[in-house]
Amino acid sequence: MQKPITGTWFEFWHHNLPEGKYWNPICRRFSAEQWEAKVDEIASVGMKYIVLMDTAIGYDTYFESYFDTDIFPFAEMDCKDPIGSLLNAADRNGIKVFVSCGFYGIWTHTLENMTSPVVTDRAFRAMKQVYEKYGSHPSFYGWYYPDETCIEGHFLPEFIDYVNRYSAYARQISPGLKTLIAPYGTNILKADDEYVEQLKKLDVDIIAYQDEIGVQKSKPEDTAAYYKALRAAHDKAGRAALWADMEAFEFEGDVYRSPLIPATIERLERQIASIAPYVDEILIYQYQGMFNKPGTIAYCGHPDSIRYYEELARHNRECFAEK
């Protein structure tokens, strides 16, 4: 079974520096026009969702933001309002954007970021400022909580508390916005009755589980069983839409320690065929760096990205034509 890919993650700076080799330096120099062009490309293949990975990020030695705020210094990039550019182009293309609430601590310190009152205070201040600045955009569709956790059988209690606290605050800002998480550990979670009870407690609208093919934790032939079990658990819990965060990349060398590069359309279509019967939407990590429309003014990524764009465009065209 094949389905179209209907969304993608999006970023202004890739948090894992070795992985972002082929696009990070180029994106620093993007103009507002180029950021908008990149969103236009995403729309050109029929995608309708964008998940903004982060509105700020923390490292051991520095912190930076991608909007005007008193929380962190603005990043050293040519475009002075990249979030505004993203949302302007999304408005024009009818794309729905989930805006990130992180990373307001050191991005690798996931558990600390979920539990630290200091990080929570920064994140909540940022959410309020971001919504005040950009909330009038029709494309501002929801919030994304990027401090992803591994589901080692079941969710950590700290993760459930983190999600529920952020969702409660999100509703204070604007009750109509959706909420999204994208946890990993899909290959080791236990979709049993305990997991169903955790889903009932988890205050989130959408869970987009990572298929973990790109990071070599699973193979396409494995994932059908994972998502079939998740479909049954979600149906039993009666809450949280089930989406996929499907990895469209592979590594040039060692996993997590080398650049991300485009996979092949053959592998991508095997990934889709395995999970399509069980998920409501398939989003990818990620368009940026992996795909480039021929002739784009916003080229960033590996040389194989043009080939990959053409294959993705064909795949989605064929899927939409079948409907």
C-alpha atoms as a PDB file:
ATOM      1  CA  MET A   1       0.000   0.000   0.000  1.00  0.00           C
ATOM      2  CA  GLN A   2       1.282   3.470  -0.876  1.00  0.00           C
ATOM      3  CA  LYS A   3       0.291   6.818   0.599  1.00  0.00           C
ATOM      4  CA  PRO A   4       1.492  10.338  -0.142  1.00  0.00           C
ATOM      5  CA  ILE A   5       3.966  12.013   2.152  1.00  0.00           C
ATOM      6  CA  THR A   6       1.990  14.936   3.549  1.00  0.00           C
ATOM      7  CA  GLY A   7       4.447  16.786   5.761  1.00  0.00           C
ATOM      8  CA  THR A   8       7.984  17.353   6.897  1.00  0.00           C
ATOM      9  CA  TRP A   9      10.141  18.593   9.718  1.00  0.00           C
ATOM     10  CA  PHE A  10      11.845  21.943   9.072  1.00  0.00           C
ATOM     11  CA  GLU A  11      14.718  23.785  10.706  1.00  0.00           C
ATOM     12  CA  PHE A  12      16.915  26.861  10.438  1.00  0.00           C
ATOM     13  CA  TRP A  13      19.950  25.041  11.839  1.00  0.00           C
ATOM     14  CA  HIS A  14      20.476  21.314  12.271  1.00  0.00           C
ATOM     15  CA  HIS A  15      21.187  20.591  15.924  1.00  0.00           C
ATOM     16  CA  ASN A  16      23.521  17.629  15.314  1.00  0.00           C
ATOM     17  CA  LEU A  17      26.442  19.399  13.643  1.00  0.00           C
ATOM     18  CA  PRO A  18      28.093  16.472  11.794  1.00  0.00           C
ATOM     19  CA  GLU A  19      24.706  15.481  10.343  1.00  0.00           C
ATOM     20  CA  GLY A  20      24.035  18.960   8.951  1.00  0.00           C
ATOM     21  CA  LYS A  21      27.246  19.257   6.926  1.00  0.00           C
ATOM     22  CA  TYR A  22      25.528  19.641   3.541  1.00  0.00           C
ATOM     23  CA  TRP A  23      23.047  22.375   4.472  1.00  0.00           C
ATOM     24  CA  ASN A  24      23.849  24.131   7.750  1.00  0.00           C
ATOM     25  CA  PRO A  25      26.412  26.631   6.386  1.00  0.00           C
ATOM     26  CA  ILE A  26      24.248  27.430   3.352  1.00  0.00           C
ATOM     27  CA  CYS A  27      21.078  27.986   5.385  1.00  0.00           C
ATOM     28  CA  ARG A  28      22.874  30.515   7.583  1.00  0.00           C
ATOM     29  CA  ARG A  29      23.127  32.734   4.515  1.00  0.00           C
ATOM     30  CA  PHE A  30      19.553  32.272   3.272  1.00  0.00           C
ATOM     31  CA  SER A  31      17.530  35.431   2.699  1.00  0.00           C
ATOM     32  CA  ALA A  32      13.844  35.759   3.574  1.00  0.00           C
ATOM     33  CA  GLU A  33      13.075  35.108  -0.095  1.00  0.00           C
ATOM     34  CA  GLN A  34      15.043  31.870  -0.024  1.00  0.00           C
ATOM     35  CA  TRP A  35      13.335  30.602   3.132  1.00  0.00           C
ATOM     36  CA  GLU A  36       9.976  31.313   1.516  1.00  0.00           C
ATOM     37  CA  ALA A  37      11.104  29.524  -1.649  1.00  0.00           C
ATOM     38  CA  LYS A  38      11.994  26.447   0.396  1.00  0.00           C
ATOM     39  CA  VAL A  39       8.447  26.379   1.793  1.00  0.00           C
ATOM     40  CA  ASP A  40       7.091  26.817  -1.745  1.00  0.00           C
ATOM     41  CA  GLU A  41       9.075  23.717  -2.745  1.00  0.00           C
ATOM     42  CA  ILE A  42       7.512  21.722   0.074  1.00  0.00           C
ATOM     43  CA  ALA A  43       4.068  22.800  -1.104  1.00  0.00           C
ATOM     44  CA  SER A  44       4.954  21.906  -4.700  1.00  0.00           C
ATOM     45  CA  VAL A  45       5.017  18.187  -3.865  1.00  0.00           C
ATOM     46  CA  GLY A  46       1.633  18.368  -2.130  1.00  0.00           C
ATOM     47  CA  MET A  47       2.707  18.517   1.498  1.00  0.00           C
ATOM     48  CA  LYS A  48       0.298  20.193   3.897  1.00  0.00           C
ATOM     49  CA  TYR A  49       2.137  20.080   7.245  1.00  0.00           C
ATOM     50  CA  ILE A  50       5.430  21.524   8.473  1.00  0.00           C
ATOM     51  CA  VAL A  51       6.886  20.798  11.916  1.00  0.00           C
ATOM     52  CA  LEU A  52       9.385  23.463  12.976  1.00  0.00           C
ATOM     53  CA  MET A  53      12.090  21.612  14.883  1.00  0.00           C
ATOM     54  CA  ASP A  54      13.179  24.477  17.120  1.00  0.00           C
ATOM     55  CA  THR A  55      12.688  28.180  17.753  1.00  0.00           C
ATOM     56  CA  ALA A  56      15.943  28.270  19.726  1.00  0.00           C
ATOM     57  CA  ILE A  57      18.705  25.860  20.663  1.00  0.00           C
ATOM     58  CA  GLY A  58      21.221  25.345  23.431  1.00  0.00           C
ATOM     59  CA  TYR A  59      24.699  23.842  23.244  1.00  0.00           C
ATOM     60  CA  ASP A  60      27.372  23.448  25.916  1.00  0.00           C
ATOM     61  CA  THR A  61      29.084  26.663  24.819  1.00  0.00           C
ATOM     62  CA  TYR A  62      26.355  28.855  23.327  1.00  0.00           C
ATOM     63  CA  PHE A  63      22.620  29.421  22.911  1.00  0.00           C
ATOM     64  CA  GLU A  64      20.793  31.046  19.998  1.00  0.00           C
ATOM     65  CA  SER A  65      17.260  31.907  18.973  1.00  0.00           C
ATOM     66  CA  TYR A  66      15.510  32.299  15.612  1.00  0.00           C
ATOM     67  CA  PHE A  67      13.216  35.167  16.592  1.00  0.00           C
ATOM     68  CA  ASP A  68      13.570  38.441  18.450  1.00  0.00           C
ATOM     69  CA  THR A  69      13.529  37.573  22.157  1.00  0.00           C
ATOM     70  CA  ASP A  70      15.205  38.459  25.433  1.00  0.00           C
ATOM     71  CA  ILE A  71      15.744  34.776  26.244  1.00  0.00           C
ATOM     72  CA  PHE A  72      18.720  33.979  23.972  1.00  0.00           C
ATOM     73  CA  PRO A  73      20.752  36.032  21.454  1.00  0.00           C
ATOM     74  CA  PHE A  74      19.576  35.970  17.864  1.00  0.00           C
ATOM     75  CA  ALA A  75      21.500  33.515  15.676  1.00  0.00           C
ATOM     76  CA  GLU A  76      24.208  34.727  13.319  1.00  0.00           C
ATOM     77  CA  MET A  77      22.196  34.386  10.128  1.00  0.00           C
ATOM     78  CA  ASP A  78      21.373  36.753   7.269  1.00  0.00           C
ATOM     79  CA  CYS A  79      17.573  36.501   7.513  1.00  0.00           C
ATOM     80  CA  LYS A  80      16.386  38.491  10.520  1.00  0.00           C
ATOM     81  CA  ASP A  81      12.942  36.903  10.806  1.00  0.00           C
ATOM     82  CA  PRO A  82      13.114  33.320   9.532  1.00  0.00           C
ATOM     83  CA  ILE A  83      10.009  32.221  11.462  1.00  0.00           C
ATOM     84  CA  GLY A  84       8.066  35.069   9.870  1.00  0.00           C
ATOM     85  CA  SER A  85       9.303  33.991   6.430  1.00  0.00           C
ATOM     86  CA  LEU A  86       8.282  30.396   7.089  1.00  0.00           C
ATOM     87  CA  LEU A  87       4.793  31.378   8.210  1.00  0.00           C
ATOM     88  CA  ASN A  88       4.309  33.927   5.400  1.00  0.00           C
ATOM     89  CA  ALA A  89       5.001  31.261   2.793  1.00  0.00           C
ATOM     90  CA  ALA A  90       2.927  28.685   4.671  1.00  0.00           C
ATOM     91  CA  ASP A  91      -0.006  31.138   4.740  1.00  0.00           C
ATOM     92  CA  ARG A  92       0.271  31.574   0.994  1.00  0.00           C
ATOM     93  CA  ASN A  93       0.418  27.810   0.355  1.00  0.00           C
ATOM     94  CA  GLY A  94      -2.241  26.672   2.810  1.00  0.00           C
ATOM     95  CA  ILE A  95       0.298  24.713   4.891  1.00  0.00           C
ATOM     96  CA  LYS A  96      -0.309  24.043   8.593  1.00  0.00           C
ATOM     97  CA  VAL A  97       2.706  24.647  10.842  1.00  0.00           C
ATOM     98  CA  PHE A  98       3.471  23.125  14.224  1.00  0.00           C
ATOM     99  CA  VAL A  99       5.776  25.595  15.998  1.00  0.00           C
ATOM    100  CA  SER A 100       8.424  24.240  18.343  1.00  0.00           C
ATOM    101  CA  CYS A 101       8.622  24.888  22.089  1.00  0.00           C
ATOM    102  CA  GLY A 102      12.355  24.135  22.317  1.00  0.00           C
ATOM    103  CA  PHE A 103      15.215  23.578  22.742  1.00  0.00           C
ATOM    104  CA  TYR A 104      15.527  25.961  25.720  1.00  0.00           C
ATOM    105  CA  GLY A 105      18.202  23.933  27.471  1.00  0.00           C
ATOM    106  CA  ILE A 106      21.201  22.069  26.066  1.00  0.00           C
ATOM    107  CA  TRP A 107      19.484  20.005  23.392  1.00  0.00           C
ATOM    108  CA  THR A 108      21.169  16.720  24.312  1.00  0.00           C
ATOM    109  CA  HIS A 109      20.029  16.980  27.964  1.00  0.00           C
ATOM    110  CA  THR A 110      16.552  15.639  27.285  1.00  0.00           C
ATOM    111  CA  LEU A 111      15.496  14.538  30.754  1.00  0.00           C
ATOM    112  CA  GLU A 112      16.878  17.710  32.330  1.00  0.00           C
ATOM    113  CA  ASN A 113      15.022  19.840  29.785  1.00  0.00           C
ATOM    114  CA  MET A 114      11.762  18.046  30.554  1.00  0.00           C
ATOM    115  CA  THR A 115      12.062  18.459  34.320  1.00  0.00           C
ATOM    116  CA  SER A 116      14.085  21.656  34.903  1.00  0.00           C
ATOM    117  CA  PRO A 117      12.037  24.616  36.194  1.00  0.00           C
ATOM    118  CA  VAL A 118      14.585  26.964  34.585  1.00  0.00           C
ATOM    119  CA  VAL A 119      14.166  25.392  31.151  1.00  0.00           C
ATOM    120  CA  THR A 120      10.384  25.251  31.554  1.00  0.00           C
ATOM    121  CA  ASP A 121      10.284  28.942  32.431  1.00  0.00           C
ATOM    122  CA  ARG A 122      12.305  29.810  29.329  1.00  0.00           C
ATOM    123  CA  ALA A 123      10.137  27.625  27.119  1.00  0.00           C
ATOM    124  CA  PHE A 124       6.868  29.042  28.458  1.00  0.00           C
ATOM    125  CA  ARG A 125       8.135  32.606  28.054  1.00  0.00           C
ATOM    126  CA  ALA A 126       9.155  31.745  24.506  1.00  0.00           C
ATOM    127  CA  MET A 127       5.770  30.215  23.702  1.00  0.00           C
ATOM    128  CA  LYS A 128       4.025  33.353  24.906  1.00  0.00           C
ATOM    129  CA  GLN A 129       6.373  35.623  22.925  1.00  0.00           C
ATOM    130  CA  VAL A 130       6.167  33.487  19.786  1.00  0.00           C
ATOM    131  CA  TYR A 131       2.383  33.422  19.879  1.00  0.00           C
ATOM    132  CA  GLU A 132       2.171  37.179  20.493  1.00  0.00           C
ATOM    133  CA  LYS A 133       4.460  37.763  17.515  1.00  0.00           C
ATOM    134  CA  TYR A 134       3.157  35.162  15.065  1.00  0.00           C
ATOM    135  CA  GLY A 135      -0.198  33.913  16.339  1.00  0.00           C
ATOM    136  CA  SER A 136      -2.188  35.896  13.785  1.00  0.00           C
ATOM    137  CA  HIS A 137      -0.818  33.769  10.933  1.00  0.00           C
ATOM    138  CA  PRO A 138      -3.480  31.379   9.585  1.00  0.00           C
ATOM    139  CA  SER A 139      -0.765  28.747   9.164  1.00  0.00           C
ATOM    140  CA  PHE A 140       0.072  28.695  12.892  1.00  0.00           C
ATOM    141  CA  TYR A 141      -1.667  25.381  13.533  1.00  0.00           C
ATOM    142  CA  GLY A 142      -0.127  23.947  16.666  1.00  0.00           C
ATOM    143  CA  TRP A 143       2.798  23.312  19.007  1.00  0.00           C
ATOM    144  CA  TYR A 144       5.542  20.710  18.773  1.00  0.00           C
ATOM    145  CA  TYR A 145       7.363  19.457  21.886  1.00  0.00           C
ATOM    146  CA  PRO A 146      10.861  18.563  20.625  1.00  0.00           C
ATOM    147  CA  ASP A 147      12.442  17.055  23.732  1.00  0.00           C
ATOM    148  CA  GLU A 148      11.832  13.579  22.397  1.00  0.00           C
ATOM    149  CA  THR A 149      12.120  10.576  24.658  1.00  0.00           C
ATOM    150  CA  CYS A 150      12.832   6.914  24.063  1.00  0.00           C
ATOM    151  CA  ILE A 151       9.836   4.733  24.836  1.00  0.00           C
ATOM    152  CA  GLU A 152      11.655   1.925  26.613  1.00  0.00           C
ATOM    153  CA  GLY A 153       8.644  -0.326  26.776  1.00  0.00           C
ATOM    154  CA  HIS A 154       6.475   2.474  28.157  1.00  0.00           C
ATOM    155  CA  PHE A 155       6.620   6.252  28.520  1.00  0.00           C
ATOM    156  CA  LEU A 156       8.661   7.646  31.387  1.00  0.00           C
ATOM    157  CA  PRO A 157       6.446   9.304  34.033  1.00  0.00           C
ATOM    158  CA  GLU A 158       8.609  12.428  33.596  1.00  0.00           C
ATOM    159  CA  PHE A 159       7.722  12.539  29.906  1.00  0.00           C
ATOM    160  CA  ILE A 160       3.991  12.298  30.552  1.00  0.00           C
ATOM    161  CA  ASP A 161       4.274  15.091  33.115  1.00  0.00           C
ATOM    162  CA  TYR A 162       6.308  17.205  30.662  1.00  0.00           C
ATOM    163  CA  VAL A 163       3.777  16.828  27.856  1.00  0.00           C
ATOM    164  CA  ASN A 164       0.798  17.474  30.122  1.00  0.00           C
ATOM    165  CA  ARG A 165       2.320  20.606  31.676  1.00  0.00           C
ATOM    166  CA  TYR A 166       3.184  22.042  28.261  1.00  0.00           C
ATOM    167  CA  SER A 167      -0.260  21.236  26.864  1.00  0.00           C
ATOM    168  CA  ALA A 168      -1.953  22.896  29.825  1.00  0.00           C
ATOM    169  CA  TYR A 169       0.090  26.033  29.234  1.00  0.00           C
ATOM    170  CA  ALA A 170      -0.485  25.870  25.469  1.00  0.00           C
ATOM    171  CA  ARG A 171      -4.243  25.937  26.055  1.00  0.00           C
ATOM    172  CA  GLN A 172      -3.857  29.028  28.213  1.00  0.00           C
ATOM    173  CA  ILE A 173      -2.201  30.790  25.278  1.00  0.00           C
ATOM    174  CA  SER A 174      -4.630  29.594  22.622  1.00  0.00           C
ATOM    175  CA  PRO A 175      -7.007  26.668  23.258  1.00  0.00           C
ATOM    176  CA  GLY A 176      -7.562  25.959  19.573  1.00  0.00           C
ATOM    177  CA  LEU A 177      -3.993  24.956  18.698  1.00  0.00           C
ATOM    178  CA  LYS A 178      -3.079  21.288  18.189  1.00  0.00           C
ATOM    179  CA  THR A 179      -0.188  19.568  19.967  1.00  0.00           C
ATOM    180  CA  LEU A 180       2.325  17.093  18.525  1.00  0.00           C
ATOM    181  CA  ILE A 181       5.088  14.840  19.839  1.00  0.00           C
ATOM    182  CA  ALA A 182       7.422  12.511  17.924  1.00  0.00           C
ATOM    183  CA  PRO A 183       8.980   9.966  20.292  1.00  0.00           C
ATOM    184  CA  TYR A 184      11.429   7.241  19.384  1.00  0.00           C
ATOM    185  CA  GLY A 185      11.845   3.684  20.627  1.00  0.00           C
ATOM    186  CA  THR A 186       9.100   2.451  18.291  1.00  0.00           C
ATOM    187  CA  ASN A 187      10.937  -0.857  17.858  1.00  0.00           C
ATOM    188  CA  ILE A 188      11.059  -1.588  21.620  1.00  0.00           C
ATOM    189  CA  LEU A 189       7.811  -0.130  22.991  1.00  0.00           C
ATOM    190  CA  LYS A 190       5.160  -2.478  24.369  1.00  0.00           C
ATOM    191  CA  ALA A 191       1.723  -1.548  23.032  1.00  0.00           C
ATOM    192  CA  ASP A 192      -0.011  -3.415  25.870  1.00  0.00           C
ATOM    193  CA  ASP A 193      -2.746  -2.474  28.332  1.00  0.00           C
ATOM    194  CA  GLU A 194      -0.300  -0.427  30.438  1.00  0.00           C
ATOM    195  CA  TYR A 195       0.627   1.531  27.319  1.00  0.00           C
ATOM    196  CA  VAL A 196      -3.042   2.104  26.504  1.00  0.00           C
ATOM    197  CA  GLU A 197      -3.555   3.543  30.009  1.00  0.00           C
ATOM    198  CA  GLN A 198      -0.569   5.850  29.472  1.00  0.00           C
ATOM    199  CA  LEU A 199      -2.072   7.064  26.184  1.00  0.00           C
ATOM    200  CA  LYS A 200      -5.292   7.889  28.033  1.00  0.00           C
ATOM    201  CA  LYS A 201      -3.300  10.058  30.466  1.00  0.00           C
ATOM    202  CA  LEU A 202      -1.166  11.775  27.823  1.00  0.00           C
ATOM    203  CA  ASP A 203      -2.605  15.187  26.926  1.00  0.00           C
ATOM    204  CA  VAL A 204      -1.551  15.469  23.297  1.00  0.00           C
ATOM    205  CA  ASP A 205      -3.463  15.545  20.024  1.00  0.00           C
ATOM    206  CA  ILE A 206      -1.024  13.758  17.708  1.00  0.00           C
ATOM    207  CA  ILE A 207       1.801  11.258  18.193  1.00  0.00           C
ATOM    208  CA  ALA A 208       4.090  10.838  15.175  1.00  0.00           C
ATOM    209  CA  TYR A 209       6.260   7.833  15.998  1.00  0.00           C
ATOM    210  CA  GLN A 210       9.723   7.685  14.435  1.00  0.00           C
ATOM    211  CA  ASP A 211      10.136   4.648  12.185  1.00  0.00           C
ATOM    212  CA  GLU A 212      13.900   4.635  12.922  1.00  0.00           C
ATOM    213  CA  ILE A 213      14.912   3.267   9.525  1.00  0.00           C
ATOM    214  CA  GLY A 214      17.461   6.006   8.826  1.00  0.00           C
ATOM    215  CA  VAL A 215      19.185   5.525  12.187  1.00  0.00           C
ATOM    216  CA  GLN A 216      19.381   1.782  11.442  1.00  0.00           C
ATOM    217  CA  LYS A 217      17.366   0.588  14.437  1.00  0.00           C
ATOM    218  CA  SER A 218      14.702  -1.020  12.234  1.00  0.00           C
ATOM    219  CA  LYS A 219      14.200  -2.289   8.695  1.00  0.00           C
ATOM    220  CA  PRO A 220      11.156  -1.560   6.511  1.00  0.00           C
ATOM    221  CA  GLU A 221       9.951  -5.155   6.795  1.00  0.00           C
ATOM    222  CA  ASP A 222       9.898  -4.835  10.606  1.00  0.00           C
ATOM    223  CA  THR A 223       7.791  -1.727  11.043  1.00  0.00           C
ATOM    224  CA  ALA A 224       4.382  -3.058   9.924  1.00  0.00           C
ATOM    225  CA  ALA A 225       4.121  -5.050  13.148  1.00  0.00           C
ATOM    226  CA  TYR A 226       5.077  -2.036  15.287  1.00  0.00           C
ATOM    227  CA  TYR A 227       2.524   0.309  13.748  1.00  0.00           C
ATOM    228  CA  LYS A 228      -0.218  -2.350  13.636  1.00  0.00           C
ATOM    229  CA  ALA A 229       0.167  -2.773  17.401  1.00  0.00           C
ATOM    230  CA  LEU A 230       0.185   0.996  17.875  1.00  0.00           C
ATOM    231  CA  ARG A 231      -2.994   1.328  15.803  1.00  0.00           C
ATOM    232  CA  ALA A 232      -4.759  -1.127  18.083  1.00  0.00           C
ATOM    233  CA  ALA A 233      -3.480   0.670  21.209  1.00  0.00           C
ATOM    234  CA  HIS A 234      -4.528   4.102  19.966  1.00  0.00           C
ATOM    235  CA  ASP A 235      -7.960   2.838  18.957  1.00  0.00           C
ATOM    236  CA  LYS A 236      -8.413   1.252  22.369  1.00  0.00           C
ATOM    237  CA  ALA A 237      -7.276   4.419  24.169  1.00  0.00           C
ATOM    238  CA  GLY A 238      -9.593   6.564  22.064  1.00  0.00           C
ATOM    239  CA  ARG A 239      -7.247   9.551  21.928  1.00  0.00           C
ATOM    240  CA  ALA A 240      -4.194  10.950  20.095  1.00  0.00           C
ATOM    241  CA  ALA A 241      -4.093  10.634  16.325  1.00  0.00           C
ATOM    242  CA  LEU A 242      -1.476   8.162  15.083  1.00  0.00           C
ATOM    243  CA  TRP A 243       0.970   9.633  12.554  1.00  0.00           C
ATOM    244  CA  ALA A 244       4.408   8.555  11.336  1.00  0.00           C
ATOM    245  CA  ASP A 245       7.698  10.419  11.533  1.00  0.00           C
ATOM    246  CA  MET A 246       9.374   8.535   8.692  1.00  0.00           C
ATOM    247  CA  GLU A 247      13.116   8.909   8.173  1.00  0.00           C
ATOM    248  CA  ALA A 248      13.938   9.854   4.586  1.00  0.00           C
ATOM    249  CA  PHE A 249      17.703   9.920   5.105  1.00  0.00           C
ATOM    250  CA  GLU A 250      20.664   7.658   5.537  1.00  0.00           C
ATOM    251  CA  PHE A 251      24.119   8.338   6.893  1.00  0.00           C
ATOM    252  CA  GLU A 252      27.203   8.946   4.801  1.00  0.00           C
ATOM    253  CA  GLY A 253      29.236   7.095   7.436  1.00  0.00           C
ATOM    254  CA  ASP A 254      28.725   6.278  11.100  1.00  0.00           C
ATOM    255  CA  VAL A 255      25.219   6.711  12.513  1.00  0.00           C
ATOM    256  CA  TYR A 256      24.827  10.056  14.347  1.00  0.00           C
ATOM    257  CA  ARG A 257      28.461  10.984  13.597  1.00  0.00           C
ATOM    258  CA  SER A 258      28.396  11.664   9.859  1.00  0.00           C
ATOM    259  CA  PRO A 259      26.362  13.721   7.369  1.00  0.00           C
ATOM    260  CA  LEU A 260      22.772  12.890   6.525  1.00  0.00           C
ATOM    261  CA  ILE A 261      22.284  12.127   2.835  1.00  0.00           C
ATOM    262  CA  PRO A 262      19.270  11.185   0.687  1.00  0.00           C
ATOM    263  CA  ALA A 263      18.069   7.593   0.780  1.00  0.00           C
ATOM    264  CA  THR A 264      16.542   5.983  -2.316  1.00  0.00           C
ATOM    265  CA  ILE A 265      12.951   6.129  -3.449  1.00  0.00           C
ATOM    266  CA  GLU A 266      12.911   2.317  -3.429  1.00  0.00           C
ATOM    267  CA  ARG A 267      13.671   2.260   0.299  1.00  0.00           C
ATOM    268  CA  LEU A 268      11.257   5.115   0.980  1.00  0.00           C
ATOM    269  CA  GLU A 269       8.396   3.326  -0.763  1.00  0.00           C
ATOM    270  CA  ARG A 270       9.132   0.141   1.212  1.00  0.00           C
ATOM    271  CA  GLN A 271       8.935   2.216   4.393  1.00  0.00           C
ATOM    272  CA  ILE A 272       5.606   3.685   3.323  1.00  0.00           C
ATOM    273  CA  ALA A 273       4.117   0.331   2.292  1.00  0.00           C
ATOM    274  CA  SER A 274       4.825  -1.103   5.752  1.00  0.00           C
ATOM    275  CA  ILE A 275       3.181   1.642   7.795  1.00  0.00           C
ATOM    276  CA  ALA A 276       0.558   3.156   5.477  1.00  0.00           C
ATOM    277  CA  PRO A 277      -2.336   0.865   6.525  1.00  0.00           C
ATOM    278  CA  TYR A 278      -2.024   1.961  10.155  1.00  0.00           C
ATOM    279  CA  VAL A 279      -1.245   5.698  10.256  1.00  0.00           C
ATOM    280  CA  ASP A 280      -3.358   8.751   9.497  1.00  0.00           C
ATOM    281  CA  GLU A 281      -0.559  10.875   8.037  1.00  0.00           C
ATOM    282  CA  ILE A 282       3.027  10.245   6.959  1.00  0.00           C
ATOM    283  CA  LEU A 283       5.519  13.028   7.644  1.00  0.00           C
ATOM    284  CA  ILE A 284       9.223  12.804   6.907  1.00  0.00           C
ATOM    285  CA  TYR A 285      12.401  13.830   8.594  1.00  0.00           C
ATOM    286  CA  GLN A 286      13.126  15.759   6.537  1.00  0.00           C
ATOM    287  CA  TYR A 287      12.681  17.681   3.294  1.00  0.00           C
ATOM    288  CA  GLN A 288      15.430  20.196   3.983  1.00  0.00           C
ATOM    289  CA  GLY A 289      18.864  18.973   2.945  1.00  0.00           C
ATOM    290  CA  MET A 290      17.458  15.767   1.436  1.00  0.00           C
ATOM    291  CA  PHE A 291      15.359  17.306  -1.367  1.00  0.00           C
ATOM    292  CA  ASN A 292      15.872  20.246  -3.741  1.00  0.00           C
ATOM    293  CA  LYS A 293      13.603  21.253  -6.592  1.00  0.00           C
ATOM    294  CA  PRO A 294      15.506  21.651  -9.873  1.00  0.00           C
ATOM    295  CA  GLY A 295      16.372  25.317 -10.394  1.00  0.00           C
ATOM    296  CA  THR A 296      15.517  26.364  -6.840  1.00  0.00           C
ATOM    297  CA  ILE A 297      16.960  29.623  -5.511  1.00  0.00           C
ATOM    298  CA  ALA A 298      17.153  27.935  -2.097  1.00  0.00           C
ATOM    299  CA  TYR A 299      19.426  25.004  -2.873  1.00  0.00           C
ATOM    300  CA  CYS A 300      20.836  23.314   0.226  1.00  0.00           C
ATOM    301  CA  GLY A 301      21.903  19.743   0.654  1.00  0.00           C
ATOM    302  CA  HIS A 302      23.567  16.780  -0.988  1.00  0.00           C
ATOM    303  CA  PRO A 303      23.948  16.574  -4.806  1.00  0.00           C
ATOM    304  CA  ASP A 304      21.554  13.594  -4.878  1.00  0.00           C
ATOM    305  CA  SER A 305      18.791  15.826  -3.487  1.00  0.00           C
ATOM    306  CA  ILE A 306      17.532  16.871  -6.939  1.00  0.00           C
ATOM    307  CA  ARG A 307      17.088  13.252  -7.995  1.00  0.00           C
ATOM    308  CA  TYR A 308      15.289  12.580  -4.714  1.00  0.00           C
ATOM    309  CA  TYR A 309      12.955  15.565  -5.210  1.00  0.00           C
ATOM    310  CA  GLU A 310      11.901  14.342  -8.644  1.00  0.00           C
ATOM    311  CA  GLU A 311      11.211  10.867  -7.281  1.00  0.00           C
ATOM    312  CA  LEU A 312       9.235  12.227  -4.326  1.00  0.00           C
ATOM    313  CA  ALA A 313       7.198  14.502  -6.608  1.00  0.00           C
ATOM    314  CA  ARG A 314       6.370  11.532  -8.843  1.00  0.00           C
ATOM    315  CA  HIS A 315       5.419   9.361  -5.870  1.00  0.00           C
ATOM    316  CA  ASN A 316       3.046  11.952  -4.425  1.00  0.00           C
ATOM    317  CA  ARG A 317       1.509  12.762  -7.822  1.00  0.00           C
ATOM    318  CA  GLU A 318       0.711   9.105  -8.365  1.00  0.00           C
ATOM    319  CA  CYS A 319      -0.759   8.718  -4.874  1.00  0.00           C
ATOM    320  CA  PHE A 320      -2.950  11.801  -5.201  1.00  0.00           C
ATOM    321  CA  ALA A 321      -4.107  10.677  -8.661  1.00  0.00           C
ATOM    322  CA  GLU A 322      -5.315   7.370  -7.224  1.00  0.00           C
ATOM    323  CA  LYS A 323      -7.646   9.074  -4.753  1.00  0.00           C
END
